[in-house]
């Protein structure tokens, strides 16, 4: 796990929007942060949450559009937190 992955997981103990992740990590290039987030999602270290209008709450979703990253929230998974805490 590299430093940026560690920082992103550190920011995601609770569900957060992309803008909060960017504020809390040292890397400020959005493309770099987005790509790292994509890797963490692929590793199943981070889950993507989308607002469900019918239920009026955020729910986990397998569908994610990186062109509209601001519409989603993110949260570390148990696997991701375990990896984060073992570093």
N, C-alpha and C. Protein backbone atom coordinates (compact mmCIF):
# COMPACT_ATOMS: atom_id res chain seq x y z
N UNK A 1 0.85 -1.17 0.00
CA UNK A 1 0.00 0.00 0.00
C UNK A 1 0.89 1.24 0.00
N UNK A 2 0.66 2.11 -0.98
CA UNK A 2 1.48 3.32 -1.02
C UNK A 2 0.89 4.40 -0.11
N UNK A 3 1.59 5.53 -0.01
CA UNK A 3 1.17 6.58 0.92
C UNK A 3 -0.19 7.18 0.58
N UNK A 4 -0.46 7.38 -0.72
CA UNK A 4 -1.74 7.96 -1.10
C UNK A 4 -2.89 7.01 -0.79
N UNK A 5 -2.71 5.73 -1.06
CA UNK A 5 -3.74 4.75 -0.72
C UNK A 5 -4.01 4.78 0.79
N UNK A 6 -2.95 4.85 1.57
CA UNK A 6 -3.07 4.92 3.03
C UNK A 6 -3.86 6.17 3.44
N UNK A 7 -3.50 7.31 2.86
CA UNK A 7 -4.17 8.57 3.20
C UNK A 7 -5.66 8.53 2.83
N UNK A 8 -5.98 7.96 1.66
CA UNK A 8 -7.38 7.88 1.26
C UNK A 8 -8.16 6.99 2.22
N UNK A 9 -7.62 5.84 2.54
CA UNK A 9 -8.30 4.95 3.50
C UNK A 9 -8.45 5.62 4.86
N UNK A 10 -7.44 6.38 5.25
CA UNK A 10 -7.48 7.10 6.52
C UNK A 10 -8.64 8.10 6.54
N UNK A 11 -8.95 8.68 5.38
CA UNK A 11 -10.03 9.66 5.27
C UNK A 11 -11.41 9.01 5.18
N UNK A 12 -11.45 7.70 5.00
CA UNK A 12 -12.73 7.03 4.73
C UNK A 12 -13.21 6.10 5.82
N UNK A 13 -12.89 6.42 7.06
CA UNK A 13 -13.46 5.63 8.16
C UNK A 13 -14.97 5.84 8.21
N UNK A 14 -15.42 6.99 7.73
CA UNK A 14 -16.84 7.29 7.62
C UNK A 14 -17.11 7.66 6.17
N UNK A 15 -18.34 7.58 5.73
CA UNK A 15 -18.70 7.89 4.36
C UNK A 15 -18.40 9.37 4.07
N UNK A 16 -17.67 9.60 2.97
CA UNK A 16 -17.26 10.96 2.63
C UNK A 16 -17.42 11.21 1.13
N UNK A 17 -17.66 12.49 0.76
CA UNK A 17 -17.67 12.84 -0.66
C UNK A 17 -16.24 12.99 -1.18
N UNK A 18 -16.10 12.97 -2.49
CA UNK A 18 -14.79 13.07 -3.13
C UNK A 18 -14.06 14.34 -2.70
N UNK A 19 -14.76 15.46 -2.61
CA UNK A 19 -14.11 16.72 -2.25
C UNK A 19 -13.45 16.65 -0.87
N UNK A 20 -14.02 15.91 0.05
CA UNK A 20 -13.42 15.76 1.38
C UNK A 20 -12.16 14.92 1.30
N UNK A 21 -12.18 13.88 0.47
CA UNK A 21 -10.99 13.06 0.28
C UNK A 21 -9.84 13.94 -0.22
N UNK A 22 -10.11 14.76 -1.23
CA UNK A 22 -9.08 15.63 -1.81
C UNK A 22 -8.54 16.60 -0.76
N UNK A 23 -9.41 17.12 0.07
CA UNK A 23 -8.97 18.06 1.12
C UNK A 23 -8.07 17.38 2.14
N UNK A 24 -8.29 16.09 2.41
CA UNK A 24 -7.58 15.41 3.49
C UNK A 24 -6.30 14.70 3.07
N UNK A 25 -6.06 14.56 1.77
CA UNK A 25 -4.83 13.88 1.33
C UNK A 25 -3.81 14.91 0.85
N UNK A 26 -2.55 14.50 0.82
CA UNK A 26 -1.48 15.41 0.41
C UNK A 26 -1.46 15.66 -1.09
N UNK A 27 -1.93 14.70 -1.88
CA UNK A 27 -1.97 14.83 -3.34
C UNK A 27 -3.16 15.71 -3.73
N UNK A 28 -2.93 16.75 -4.52
CA UNK A 28 -4.01 17.66 -4.90
C UNK A 28 -4.40 17.55 -6.37
N UNK A 29 -3.69 16.73 -7.15
CA UNK A 29 -4.08 16.53 -8.56
C UNK A 29 -5.26 15.57 -8.58
N UNK A 30 -6.40 16.06 -9.05
CA UNK A 30 -7.63 15.28 -9.02
C UNK A 30 -7.52 13.97 -9.78
N UNK A 31 -6.84 13.98 -10.91
CA UNK A 31 -6.69 12.76 -11.70
C UNK A 31 -5.93 11.68 -10.95
N UNK A 32 -4.91 12.07 -10.21
CA UNK A 32 -4.11 11.12 -9.44
C UNK A 32 -4.95 10.53 -8.30
N UNK A 33 -5.69 11.39 -7.60
CA UNK A 33 -6.53 10.92 -6.50
C UNK A 33 -7.64 10.00 -7.05
N UNK A 34 -8.23 10.38 -8.16
CA UNK A 34 -9.28 9.57 -8.76
C UNK A 34 -8.75 8.20 -9.16
N UNK A 35 -7.59 8.15 -9.77
CA UNK A 35 -7.02 6.87 -10.20
C UNK A 35 -6.69 5.98 -8.99
N UNK A 36 -6.17 6.58 -7.94
CA UNK A 36 -5.87 5.81 -6.73
C UNK A 36 -7.17 5.28 -6.11
N UNK A 37 -8.20 6.11 -6.09
CA UNK A 37 -9.49 5.68 -5.58
C UNK A 37 -10.04 4.52 -6.41
N UNK A 38 -9.86 4.59 -7.72
CA UNK A 38 -10.29 3.52 -8.61
C UNK A 38 -9.59 2.21 -8.25
N UNK A 39 -8.29 2.28 -7.97
CA UNK A 39 -7.54 1.08 -7.58
C UNK A 39 -8.06 0.49 -6.28
N UNK A 40 -8.36 1.37 -5.32
CA UNK A 40 -8.87 0.91 -4.03
C UNK A 40 -10.25 0.27 -4.17
N UNK A 41 -11.07 0.80 -5.06
CA UNK A 41 -12.39 0.21 -5.30
C UNK A 41 -12.21 -1.17 -5.94
N UNK A 42 -11.30 -1.26 -6.89
CA UNK A 42 -11.05 -2.54 -7.56
C UNK A 42 -10.54 -3.60 -6.59
N UNK A 43 -9.72 -3.18 -5.62
CA UNK A 43 -9.21 -4.10 -4.60
C UNK A 43 -10.28 -4.43 -3.55
N UNK A 44 -11.42 -3.77 -3.65
CA UNK A 44 -12.52 -3.89 -2.68
C UNK A 44 -12.15 -3.34 -1.30
N UNK A 45 -11.28 -2.34 -1.32
CA UNK A 45 -10.92 -1.65 -0.08
C UNK A 45 -11.86 -0.48 0.19
N UNK A 46 -12.54 -0.02 -0.86
CA UNK A 46 -13.46 1.11 -0.75
C UNK A 46 -14.76 0.73 -1.45
N UNK A 47 -15.88 1.09 -0.81
CA UNK A 47 -17.17 0.88 -1.45
C UNK A 47 -17.73 2.23 -1.90
N UNK A 48 -18.46 2.18 -3.00
CA UNK A 48 -19.08 3.36 -3.58
C UNK A 48 -20.52 3.43 -3.09
N UNK A 49 -20.92 4.59 -2.65
CA UNK A 49 -22.26 4.80 -2.13
C UNK A 49 -22.97 5.83 -3.01
N UNK A 50 -24.25 5.55 -3.32
CA UNK A 50 -25.05 6.44 -4.15
C UNK A 50 -26.35 6.75 -3.43
N UNK A 51 -26.81 8.00 -3.56
CA UNK A 51 -28.06 8.38 -2.89
C UNK A 51 -29.24 7.74 -3.59
N UNK A 52 -30.07 7.05 -2.82
CA UNK A 52 -31.28 6.41 -3.32
C UNK A 52 -32.46 7.30 -2.96
N UNK A 53 -33.06 7.89 -3.99
CA UNK A 53 -34.19 8.81 -3.77
C UNK A 53 -35.36 8.14 -3.06
N UNK A 54 -35.69 6.92 -3.45
CA UNK A 54 -36.84 6.23 -2.88
C UNK A 54 -36.67 5.99 -1.38
N UNK A 55 -35.45 5.61 -0.98
CA UNK A 55 -35.21 5.31 0.44
C UNK A 55 -34.65 6.49 1.21
N UNK A 56 -34.29 7.56 0.47
CA UNK A 56 -33.73 8.77 1.08
C UNK A 56 -32.50 8.49 1.93
N UNK A 57 -31.60 7.65 1.37
CA UNK A 57 -30.35 7.33 2.05
C UNK A 57 -29.31 6.87 1.03
N UNK A 58 -28.07 6.86 1.46
CA UNK A 58 -26.99 6.36 0.61
C UNK A 58 -26.91 4.85 0.73
N UNK A 59 -26.80 4.19 -0.43
CA UNK A 59 -26.68 2.74 -0.48
C UNK A 59 -25.49 2.37 -1.34
N UNK A 60 -24.89 1.23 -1.04
CA UNK A 60 -23.77 0.73 -1.82
C UNK A 60 -24.23 0.45 -3.24
N UNK A 61 -23.38 0.79 -4.22
CA UNK A 61 -23.72 0.56 -5.61
C UNK A 61 -22.53 -0.04 -6.36
N UNK A 62 -22.78 -0.99 -7.26
CA UNK A 62 -21.69 -1.54 -8.07
C UNK A 62 -21.41 -0.66 -9.29
N UNK A 63 -22.28 0.32 -9.56
CA UNK A 63 -22.14 1.19 -10.72
C UNK A 63 -21.51 2.51 -10.31
N UNK A 64 -20.48 2.90 -11.03
CA UNK A 64 -19.78 4.11 -10.66
C UNK A 64 -19.28 4.82 -11.90
N UNK A 65 -19.52 6.09 -12.00
CA UNK A 65 -19.12 6.91 -13.13
C UNK A 65 -18.03 7.88 -12.68
N UNK A 66 -16.80 7.60 -13.07
CA UNK A 66 -15.69 8.45 -12.65
C UNK A 66 -15.76 9.85 -13.25
N UNK A 67 -16.58 10.05 -14.27
CA UNK A 67 -16.76 11.39 -14.83
C UNK A 67 -17.66 12.24 -13.94
N UNK A 68 -18.37 11.61 -13.03
CA UNK A 68 -19.26 12.32 -12.11
C UNK A 68 -18.97 11.92 -10.67
N UNK A 69 -17.72 11.90 -10.33
CA UNK A 69 -17.26 11.43 -9.02
C UNK A 69 -17.91 12.22 -7.87
N UNK A 70 -18.29 13.47 -8.14
CA UNK A 70 -18.87 14.32 -7.10
C UNK A 70 -20.27 13.88 -6.69
N UNK A 71 -20.90 13.01 -7.46
CA UNK A 71 -22.25 12.55 -7.15
C UNK A 71 -22.28 11.37 -6.17
N UNK A 72 -21.12 10.84 -5.85
CA UNK A 72 -21.04 9.64 -5.02
C UNK A 72 -20.37 9.93 -3.69
N UNK A 73 -20.52 8.99 -2.78
CA UNK A 73 -19.80 9.03 -1.50
C UNK A 73 -18.99 7.75 -1.43
N UNK A 74 -17.99 7.74 -0.58
CA UNK A 74 -17.08 6.61 -0.49
C UNK A 74 -16.84 6.26 0.97
N UNK A 75 -16.61 4.97 1.21
CA UNK A 75 -16.36 4.51 2.57
C UNK A 75 -15.45 3.29 2.51
N UNK A 76 -14.50 3.22 3.41
CA UNK A 76 -13.61 2.07 3.46
C UNK A 76 -14.40 0.83 3.87
N UNK A 77 -14.04 -0.29 3.28
CA UNK A 77 -14.65 -1.57 3.65
C UNK A 77 -13.89 -2.17 4.83
N UNK A 78 -14.40 -3.23 5.36
CA UNK A 78 -13.71 -3.93 6.45
C UNK A 78 -12.34 -4.41 5.96
N UNK A 79 -12.28 -4.93 4.73
CA UNK A 79 -11.02 -5.37 4.15
C UNK A 79 -10.04 -4.21 4.03
N UNK A 80 -10.55 -3.06 3.58
CA UNK A 80 -9.72 -1.88 3.44
C UNK A 80 -9.20 -1.37 4.77
N UNK A 81 -10.05 -1.36 5.77
CA UNK A 81 -9.62 -0.90 7.10
C UNK A 81 -8.60 -1.86 7.71
N UNK A 82 -8.79 -3.15 7.46
CA UNK A 82 -7.83 -4.13 7.96
C UNK A 82 -6.46 -3.91 7.32
N UNK A 83 -6.44 -3.69 6.01
CA UNK A 83 -5.18 -3.41 5.31
C UNK A 83 -4.56 -2.12 5.80
N UNK A 84 -5.39 -1.10 6.01
CA UNK A 84 -4.92 0.21 6.48
C UNK A 84 -4.30 0.09 7.86
N UNK A 85 -4.97 -0.64 8.75
CA UNK A 85 -4.49 -0.76 10.13
C UNK A 85 -3.29 -1.68 10.28
N UNK A 86 -3.02 -2.49 9.27
CA UNK A 86 -1.86 -3.40 9.38
C UNK A 86 -0.58 -2.77 8.83
N UNK A 87 -0.69 -1.57 8.29
CA UNK A 87 0.49 -0.89 7.76
C UNK A 87 1.26 -0.23 8.86
